[in-house]
C-alpha atoms as a PDB file:
ATOM      1  CA  UNK A   1       0.000   0.000   0.000  1.00  0.00           C
ATOM      2  CA  UNK A   2       1.292   3.512  -0.767  1.00  0.00           C
ATOM      3  CA  UNK A   3       2.083   5.721   2.202  1.00  0.00           C
ATOM      4  CA  UNK A   4       0.874   9.041   0.786  1.00  0.00           C
ATOM      5  CA  UNK A   5      -2.336  10.251   2.428  1.00  0.00           C
ATOM      6  CA  UNK A   6      -5.563   9.567   0.560  1.00  0.00           C
ATOM      7  CA  UNK A   7      -7.255  12.477   2.365  1.00  0.00           C
ATOM      8  CA  UNK A   8      -7.056  15.593   0.194  1.00  0.00           C
ATOM      9  CA  UNK A   9      -7.955  18.193   2.828  1.00  0.00           C
ATOM     10  CA  UNK A  10      -7.282  16.739   6.264  1.00  0.00           C
ATOM     11  CA  UNK A  11      -7.808  20.075   8.042  1.00  0.00           C
ATOM     12  CA  UNK A  12     -11.330  20.395   6.643  1.00  0.00           C
ATOM     13  CA  UNK A  13     -12.125  16.787   7.588  1.00  0.00           C
ATOM     14  CA  UNK A  14     -10.726  17.411  11.078  1.00  0.00           C
ATOM     15  CA  UNK A  15     -13.050  20.409  11.494  1.00  0.00           C
ATOM     16  CA  UNK A  16     -16.044  18.392  10.228  1.00  0.00           C
ATOM     17  CA  UNK A  17     -15.241  15.544  12.609  1.00  0.00           C
ATOM     18  CA  UNK A  18     -14.812  17.814  15.631  1.00  0.00           C
ATOM     19  CA  UNK A  19     -18.013  19.770  14.880  1.00  0.00           C
ATOM     20  CA  UNK A  20     -19.995  16.543  14.515  1.00  0.00           C
ATOM     21  CA  UNK A  21     -18.528  15.036  17.671  1.00  0.00           C
ATOM     22  CA  UNK A  22     -19.394  18.213  19.580  1.00  0.00           C
ATOM     23  CA  UNK A  23     -23.007  17.891  18.376  1.00  0.00           C
ATOM     24  CA  UNK A  24     -23.018  14.314  19.658  1.00  0.00           C
ATOM     25  CA  UNK A  25     -21.707  15.487  23.026  1.00  0.00           C
ATOM     26  CA  UNK A  26     -18.356  13.740  22.555  1.00  0.00           C
ATOM     27  CA  UNK A  27     -15.201  15.641  23.504  1.00  0.00           C
ATOM     28  CA  UNK A  28     -12.560  14.227  21.179  1.00  0.00           C
ATOM     29  CA  UNK A  29      -8.921  14.549  22.211  1.00  0.00           C
ATOM     30  CA  UNK A  30      -6.373  15.541  19.578  1.00  0.00           C
ATOM     31  CA  UNK A  31      -5.023  11.974  19.644  1.00  0.00           C
ATOM     32  CA  UNK A  32      -8.468  10.432  19.129  1.00  0.00           C
ATOM     33  CA  UNK A  33      -9.325  12.774  16.256  1.00  0.00           C
ATOM     34  CA  UNK A  34      -5.959  12.038  14.637  1.00  0.00           C
ATOM     35  CA  UNK A  35      -6.444   8.281  14.936  1.00  0.00           C
ATOM     36  CA  UNK A  36      -9.970   8.478  13.535  1.00  0.00           C
ATOM     37  CA  UNK A  37      -8.686  10.337  10.471  1.00  0.00           C
ATOM     38  CA  UNK A  38      -5.741   7.923  10.173  1.00  0.00           C
ATOM     39  CA  UNK A  39      -8.325   5.129  10.086  1.00  0.00           C
ATOM     40  CA  UNK A  40     -10.264   6.981   7.382  1.00  0.00           C
ATOM     41  CA  UNK A  41      -7.028   7.402   5.434  1.00  0.00           C
ATOM     42  CA  UNK A  42      -6.354   3.652   5.601  1.00  0.00           C
ATOM     43  CA  UNK A  43      -9.945   2.892   4.599  1.00  0.00           C
ATOM     44  CA  UNK A  44      -9.799   5.244   1.615  1.00  0.00           C
ATOM     45  CA  UNK A  45      -6.493   3.727   0.406  1.00  0.00           C
ATOM     46  CA  UNK A  46      -7.549   0.093   0.807  1.00  0.00           C
ATOM     47  CA  UNK A  47     -10.947   0.884  -0.661  1.00  0.00           C
ATOM     48  CA  UNK A  48      -9.351   1.779  -3.977  1.00  0.00           C
ATOM     49  CA  UNK A  49      -8.192  -1.850  -4.285  1.00  0.00           C
ATOM     50  CA  UNK A  50     -10.509  -3.956  -2.137  1.00  0.00           C
ATOM     51  CA  UNK A  51     -13.851  -2.106  -2.413  1.00  0.00           C
ATOM     52  CA  UNK A  52     -14.579  -2.210   1.319  1.00  0.00           C
ATOM     53  CA  UNK A  53     -17.255   0.504   1.263  1.00  0.00           C
ATOM     54  CA  UNK A  54     -19.465   2.130  -1.372  1.00  0.00           C
ATOM     55  CA  UNK A  55     -18.787   5.564   0.169  1.00  0.00           C
ATOM     56  CA  UNK A  56     -15.848   7.134  -1.685  1.00  0.00           C
ATOM     57  CA  UNK A  57     -15.860  10.793  -0.675  1.00  0.00           C
ATOM     58  CA  UNK A  58     -13.796  11.365   2.530  1.00  0.00           C
ATOM     59  CA  UNK A  59     -16.139  14.104   3.787  1.00  0.00           C
ATOM     60  CA  UNK A  60     -19.056  11.700   3.410  1.00  0.00           C
ATOM     61  CA  UNK A  61     -17.014   9.028   5.181  1.00  0.00           C
ATOM     62  CA  UNK A  62     -16.667  11.340   8.191  1.00  0.00           C
ATOM     63  CA  UNK A  63     -20.442  11.668   8.409  1.00  0.00           C
ATOM     64  CA  UNK A  64     -21.681   8.268   7.231  1.00  0.00           C
ATOM     65  CA  UNK A  65     -18.979   6.163   8.871  1.00  0.00           C
ATOM     66  CA  UNK A  66     -17.243   7.964  11.758  1.00  0.00           C
ATOM     67  CA  UNK A  67     -20.058  10.107  13.185  1.00  0.00           C
ATOM     68  CA  UNK A  68     -22.660   7.406  12.543  1.00  0.00           C
ATOM     69  CA  UNK A  69     -20.523   4.924  14.511  1.00  0.00           C
ATOM     70  CA  UNK A  70     -19.788   7.369  17.337  1.00  0.00           C
ATOM     71  CA  UNK A  71     -23.513   8.142  17.760  1.00  0.00           C
ATOM     72  CA  UNK A  72     -23.963   4.944  19.829  1.00  0.00           C
ATOM     73  CA  UNK A  73     -21.085   5.766  22.225  1.00  0.00           C
ATOM     74  CA  UNK A  74     -23.377   6.551  25.203  1.00  0.00           C
ATOM     75  CA  UNK A  75     -25.108   3.171  24.816  1.00  0.00           C
ATOM     76  CA  UNK A  76     -21.971   0.996  24.844  1.00  0.00           C
ATOM     77  CA  UNK A  77     -21.286  -0.535  28.255  1.00  0.00           C
ATOM     78  CA  UNK A  78     -19.073  -3.045  30.013  1.00  0.00           C
ATOM     79  CA  UNK A  79     -15.446  -3.983  29.515  1.00  0.00           C
ATOM     80  CA  UNK A  80     -15.784  -6.267  26.474  1.00  0.00           C
ATOM     81  CA  UNK A  81     -17.528  -5.717  23.149  1.00  0.00           C
ATOM     82  CA  UNK A  82     -17.886  -7.672  19.922  1.00  0.00           C
ATOM     83  CA  UNK A  83     -18.636  -6.041  16.566  1.00  0.00           C
ATOM     84  CA  UNK A  84     -20.644  -8.651  14.645  1.00  0.00           C
ATOM     85  CA  UNK A  85     -20.131  -8.568  10.882  1.00  0.00           C
ATOM     86  CA  UNK A  86     -17.562  -5.818  11.378  1.00  0.00           C
ATOM     87  CA  UNK A  87     -16.899  -5.350   7.664  1.00  0.00           C
ATOM     88  CA  UNK A  88     -14.503  -2.417   7.325  1.00  0.00           C
ATOM     89  CA  UNK A  89     -14.534  -1.938  11.098  1.00  0.00           C
ATOM     90  CA  UNK A  90     -17.691   0.052  11.663  1.00  0.00           C
ATOM     91  CA  UNK A  91     -18.609   0.797  14.368  1.00  0.00           C
ATOM     92  CA  UNK A  92     -15.903  -1.264  16.142  1.00  0.00           C
ATOM     93  CA  UNK A  93     -12.750   0.651  15.146  1.00  0.00           C
ATOM     94  CA  UNK A  94     -14.071   4.153  15.992  1.00  0.00           C
ATOM     95  CA  UNK A  95     -15.464   2.834  19.297  1.00  0.00           C
ATOM     96  CA  UNK A  96     -12.126   1.165  20.114  1.00  0.00           C
ATOM     97  CA  UNK A  97     -10.285   4.420  19.410  1.00  0.00           C
ATOM     98  CA  UNK A  98     -12.603   6.272  21.793  1.00  0.00           C
ATOM     99  CA  UNK A  99     -12.451   3.702  24.608  1.00  0.00           C
ATOM    100  CA  UNK A 100      -8.958   2.163  25.000  1.00  0.00           C
ATOM    101  CA  UNK A 101     -10.060   0.698  28.349  1.00  0.00           C
ATOM    102  CA  UNK A 102     -12.571  -1.592  26.578  1.00  0.00           C
ATOM    103  CA  UNK A 103     -11.636  -4.742  24.665  1.00  0.00           C
ATOM    104  CA  UNK A 104     -13.165  -5.001  21.181  1.00  0.00           C
ATOM    105  CA  UNK A 105     -13.406  -8.166  19.098  1.00  0.00           C
ATOM    106  CA  UNK A 106     -14.068  -7.479  15.404  1.00  0.00           C
ATOM    107  CA  UNK A 107     -15.782 -10.450  13.777  1.00  0.00           C
ATOM    108  CA  UNK A 108     -16.107 -11.027  10.045  1.00  0.00           C
ATOM    109  CA  UNK A 109     -15.929 -14.101   7.805  1.00  0.00           C
ATOM    110  CA  UNK A 110     -14.503 -12.198   4.819  1.00  0.00           C
ATOM    111  CA  UNK A 111     -10.737 -12.593   4.435  1.00  0.00           C
ATOM    112  CA  UNK A 112     -10.001  -9.272   2.707  1.00  0.00           C
ATOM    113  CA  UNK A 113     -11.956  -7.393   5.368  1.00  0.00           C
ATOM    114  CA  UNK A 114     -10.217  -9.129   8.274  1.00  0.00           C
ATOM    115  CA  UNK A 115      -6.843  -8.446   6.622  1.00  0.00           C
ATOM    116  CA  UNK A 116      -7.743  -4.771   6.495  1.00  0.00           C
ATOM    117  CA  UNK A 117      -8.904  -4.831  10.126  1.00  0.00           C
ATOM    118  CA  UNK A 118      -5.683  -6.477  11.317  1.00  0.00           C
ATOM    119  CA  UNK A 119      -3.567  -3.959   9.421  1.00  0.00           C
ATOM    120  CA  UNK A 120      -5.667  -1.109  10.828  1.00  0.00           C
ATOM    121  CA  UNK A 121      -5.245  -2.343  14.406  1.00  0.00           C
ATOM    122  CA  UNK A 122      -1.492  -2.688  13.818  1.00  0.00           C
ATOM    123  CA  UNK A 123      -0.959   0.711  12.159  1.00  0.00           C
ATOM    124  CA  UNK A 124      -3.109   2.574  14.681  1.00  0.00           C
ATOM    125  CA  UNK A 125      -1.617   0.708  17.644  1.00  0.00           C
ATOM    126  CA  UNK A 126      -5.013  -0.471  18.870  1.00  0.00           C
ATOM    127  CA  UNK A 127      -3.967  -2.959  21.542  1.00  0.00           C
ATOM    128  CA  UNK A 128      -7.630  -3.259  22.585  1.00  0.00           C
ATOM    129  CA  UNK A 129      -8.823  -4.487  19.157  1.00  0.00           C
ATOM    130  CA  UNK A 130      -8.714  -8.192  18.257  1.00  0.00           C
ATOM    131  CA  UNK A 131      -9.801  -9.533  14.869  1.00  0.00           C
ATOM    132  CA  UNK A 132     -11.549 -12.893  14.395  1.00  0.00           C
ATOM    133  CA  UNK A 133     -12.106 -14.274  10.896  1.00  0.00           C
ATOM    134  CA  UNK A 134     -15.148 -16.430  11.581  1.00  0.00           C
ATOM    135  CA  UNK A 135     -18.867 -16.705  11.086  1.00  0.00           C
ATOM    136  CA  UNK A 136     -20.665 -15.113  14.015  1.00  0.00           C
ATOM    137  CA  UNK A 137     -22.367 -18.391  14.979  1.00  0.00           C
ATOM    138  CA  UNK A 138     -18.952 -20.093  15.268  1.00  0.00           C
ATOM    139  CA  UNK A 139     -17.478 -17.531  17.662  1.00  0.00           C
ATOM    140  CA  UNK A 140     -17.053 -18.507  21.313  1.00  0.00           C
ATOM    141  CA  UNK A 141     -16.931 -16.434  24.495  1.00  0.00           C
ATOM    142  CA  UNK A 142     -19.218 -13.915  26.142  1.00  0.00           C
ATOM    143  CA  UNK A 143     -19.301 -10.159  25.827  1.00  0.00           C
ATOM    144  CA  UNK A 144     -20.841  -7.330  27.827  1.00  0.00           C
ATOM    145  CA  UNK A 145     -21.886  -5.560  24.635  1.00  0.00           C
ATOM    146  CA  UNK A 146     -22.599  -6.726  21.091  1.00  0.00           C
ATOM    147  CA  UNK A 147     -22.794  -4.156  18.309  1.00  0.00           C
ATOM    148  CA  UNK A 148     -24.036  -4.706  14.773  1.00  0.00           C
ATOM    149  CA  UNK A 149     -24.277  -2.148  11.970  1.00  0.00           C
ATOM    150  CA  UNK A 150     -25.751  -2.975   8.553  1.00  0.00           C
ATOM    151  CA  UNK A 151     -25.277  -6.653   9.353  1.00  0.00           C
ATOM    152  CA  UNK A 152     -28.557  -8.562   9.411  1.00  0.00           C
ATOM    153  CA  UNK A 153     -32.172  -8.540  10.596  1.00  0.00           C
ATOM    154  CA  UNK A 154     -32.616  -8.472  14.379  1.00  0.00           C
ATOM    155  CA  UNK A 155     -33.819 -12.075  14.496  1.00  0.00           C
ATOM    156  CA  UNK A 156     -30.759 -13.275  12.585  1.00  0.00           C
ATOM    157  CA  UNK A 157     -28.342 -11.223  14.712  1.00  0.00           C
ATOM    158  CA  UNK A 158     -29.675 -12.895  17.856  1.00  0.00           C
ATOM    159  CA  UNK A 159     -30.044 -16.378  16.347  1.00  0.00           C
ATOM    160  CA  UNK A 160     -26.427 -16.309  15.179  1.00  0.00           C
ATOM    161  CA  UNK A 161     -24.873 -14.229  17.956  1.00  0.00           C
ATOM    162  CA  UNK A 162     -27.175 -14.415  20.968  1.00  0.00           C
ATOM    163  CA  UNK A 163     -24.942 -17.037  22.646  1.00  0.00           C
ATOM    164  CA  UNK A 164     -22.199 -14.386  22.863  1.00  0.00           C
ATOM    165  CA  UNK A 165     -24.226 -12.077  25.109  1.00  0.00           C
ATOM    166  CA  UNK A 166     -23.212 -12.048  28.782  1.00  0.00           C
ATOM    167  CA  UNK A 167     -26.143 -12.421  31.231  1.00  0.00           C
ATOM    168  CA  UNK A 168     -26.280  -8.691  31.993  1.00  0.00           C
ATOM    169  CA  UNK A 169     -25.061  -7.625  28.569  1.00  0.00           C
ATOM    170  CA  UNK A 170     -26.768  -5.683  25.799  1.00  0.00           C
ATOM    171  CA  UNK A 171     -26.932  -6.038  22.040  1.00  0.00           C
ATOM    172  CA  UNK A 172     -27.005  -2.725  20.142  1.00  0.00           C
ATOM    173  CA  UNK A 173     -28.306  -3.093  16.595  1.00  0.00           C
ATOM    174  CA  UNK A 174     -27.931   0.001  14.408  1.00  0.00           C
ATOM    175  CA  UNK A 175     -30.862   0.447  12.066  1.00  0.00           C
ATOM    176  CA  UNK A 176     -32.370   3.010   9.719  1.00  0.00           C
ATOM    177  CA  UNK A 177     -36.174   3.218   9.642  1.00  0.00           C
ATOM    178  CA  UNK A 178     -37.677   0.901  12.248  1.00  0.00           C
ATOM    179  CA  UNK A 179     -39.511  -2.107  10.814  1.00  0.00           C
ATOM    180  CA  UNK A 180     -42.260  -3.314  13.167  1.00  0.00           C
ATOM    181  CA  UNK A 181     -42.268  -6.800  11.635  1.00  0.00           C
ATOM    182  CA  UNK A 182     -38.520  -7.043  12.301  1.00  0.00           C
ATOM    183  CA  UNK A 183     -39.063  -6.012  15.922  1.00  0.00           C
ATOM    184  CA  UNK A 184     -41.623  -8.791  16.318  1.00  0.00           C
ATOM    185  CA  UNK A 185     -39.187 -11.339  14.882  1.00  0.00           C
ATOM    186  CA  UNK A 186     -36.944 -11.649  17.930  1.00  0.00           C
ATOM    187  CA  UNK A 187     -36.202 -15.257  18.928  1.00  0.00           C
ATOM    188  CA  UNK A 188     -37.358 -16.490  22.328  1.00  0.00           C
ATOM    189  CA  UNK A 189     -35.203 -15.452  25.258  1.00  0.00           C
ATOM    190  CA  UNK A 190     -34.616 -11.832  24.215  1.00  0.00           C
ATOM    191  CA  UNK A 191     -36.467  -8.563  24.749  1.00  0.00           C
ATOM    192  CA  UNK A 192     -36.107  -5.038  23.432  1.00  0.00           C
ATOM    193  CA  UNK A 193     -35.007  -2.735  26.241  1.00  0.00           C
ATOM    194  CA  UNK A 194     -35.382   0.490  24.262  1.00  0.00           C
ATOM    195  CA  UNK A 195     -35.208   2.036  20.812  1.00  0.00           C
ATOM    196  CA  UNK A 196     -33.061   5.148  20.699  1.00  0.00           C
ATOM    197  CA  UNK A 197     -33.365   7.657  17.821  1.00  0.00           C
ATOM    198  CA  UNK A 198     -29.876   8.694  16.665  1.00  0.00           C
ATOM    199  CA  UNK A 199     -29.259  12.220  15.425  1.00  0.00           C
ATOM    200  CA  UNK A 200     -26.166  11.860  13.253  1.00  0.00           C
ATOM    201  CA  UNK A 201     -24.855  15.347  12.379  1.00  0.00           C
ATOM    202  CA  UNK A 202     -25.064  16.037   8.649  1.00  0.00           C
ATOM    203  CA  UNK A 203     -26.593  12.680   7.750  1.00  0.00           C
ATOM    204  CA  UNK A 204     -30.166  13.738   7.040  1.00  0.00           C
ATOM    205  CA  UNK A 205     -31.483  10.184   7.326  1.00  0.00           C
ATOM    206  CA  UNK A 206     -33.437   8.301   9.959  1.00  0.00           C
ATOM    207  CA  UNK A 207     -31.207   6.247  12.275  1.00  0.00           C
ATOM    208  CA  UNK A 208     -32.020   4.207  15.387  1.00  0.00           C
ATOM    209  CA  UNK A 209     -30.251   1.992  17.876  1.00  0.00           C
ATOM    210  CA  UNK A 210     -32.253  -1.015  19.051  1.00  0.00           C
ATOM    211  CA  UNK A 211     -31.011  -2.097  22.482  1.00  0.00           C
ATOM    212  CA  UNK A 212     -31.742  -5.740  23.293  1.00  0.00           C
ATOM    213  CA  UNK A 213     -31.239  -7.806  26.437  1.00  0.00           C
ATOM    214  CA  UNK A 214     -31.468 -11.482  27.220  1.00  0.00           C
ATOM    215  CA  UNK A 215     -34.449 -12.428  29.357  1.00  0.00           C
ATOM    216  CA  UNK A 216     -33.173 -13.646  32.724  1.00  0.00           C
ATOM    217  CA  UNK A 217     -35.710 -15.799  34.643  1.00  0.00           C
ATOM    218  CA  UNK A 218     -36.842 -14.219  37.885  1.00  0.00           C
ATOM    219  CA  UNK A 219     -36.257 -10.649  36.727  1.00  0.00           C
END
C-alpha cells in the first residue's frame, strides 16, 4: 500500500469531525481525532483496491462512517464488546479508538476485510482491538456488549450471535427506519429494552439503535 495520504484536505475533515462530535456530546482529544482520520485514510487507500465501502468521498465518510458509529457511544457498556459482521470496522474501530479501556473483538468471515482490520489495528496501535475471521455463529466467548451495523435482521443477529451475550449484557443493533415486523421477529429469550433515535450530524437520514437484552428468569 502507498504511504501518501488519501485524504485531500485533512484540516477540513478534522473540522467536520470535531463539529460533529461536539453535536453528539463527545469531547474528542487531539489523539483520538488524529487516529480516527488515520483510520479513514487507511480505509480510503484500501478501498481503492478492495472495495470495502461504497462511500468514496472522505467528507461523506466522516459523516456516514465515523459520526454514525460514534452516535452509539453513550449506549456501549461493560469492559468487552464484539462487533458482529464488522466489515470495514464500523462501528468497532471508531469505538475502540474512543475507549482504550474496553476490549473489542471485530468479527467477520470475509478474508479481505479481516486483513484490512488487522492492518488497521497494527498501524493505529489499537492494543484493545482483536480480529476474528469467523462466522458469528462459530465464535465462542461472552461479551458485555454486542454491536451490529448494517449486518442482518434483528432475528438473525440474535439467532447467530445471541450465545455471545453475557447475562447482563446488551446487544445494540444500528438500524435506519424501524420495521415493526422485524421487531416482532426476535427469537425467544430476548427482549427489546429500548429504541433510541440517533441524530447523526449532517446525515439527514433516519437512524435508530435497538437495544436488546437477554431475558433472565426471575427478573
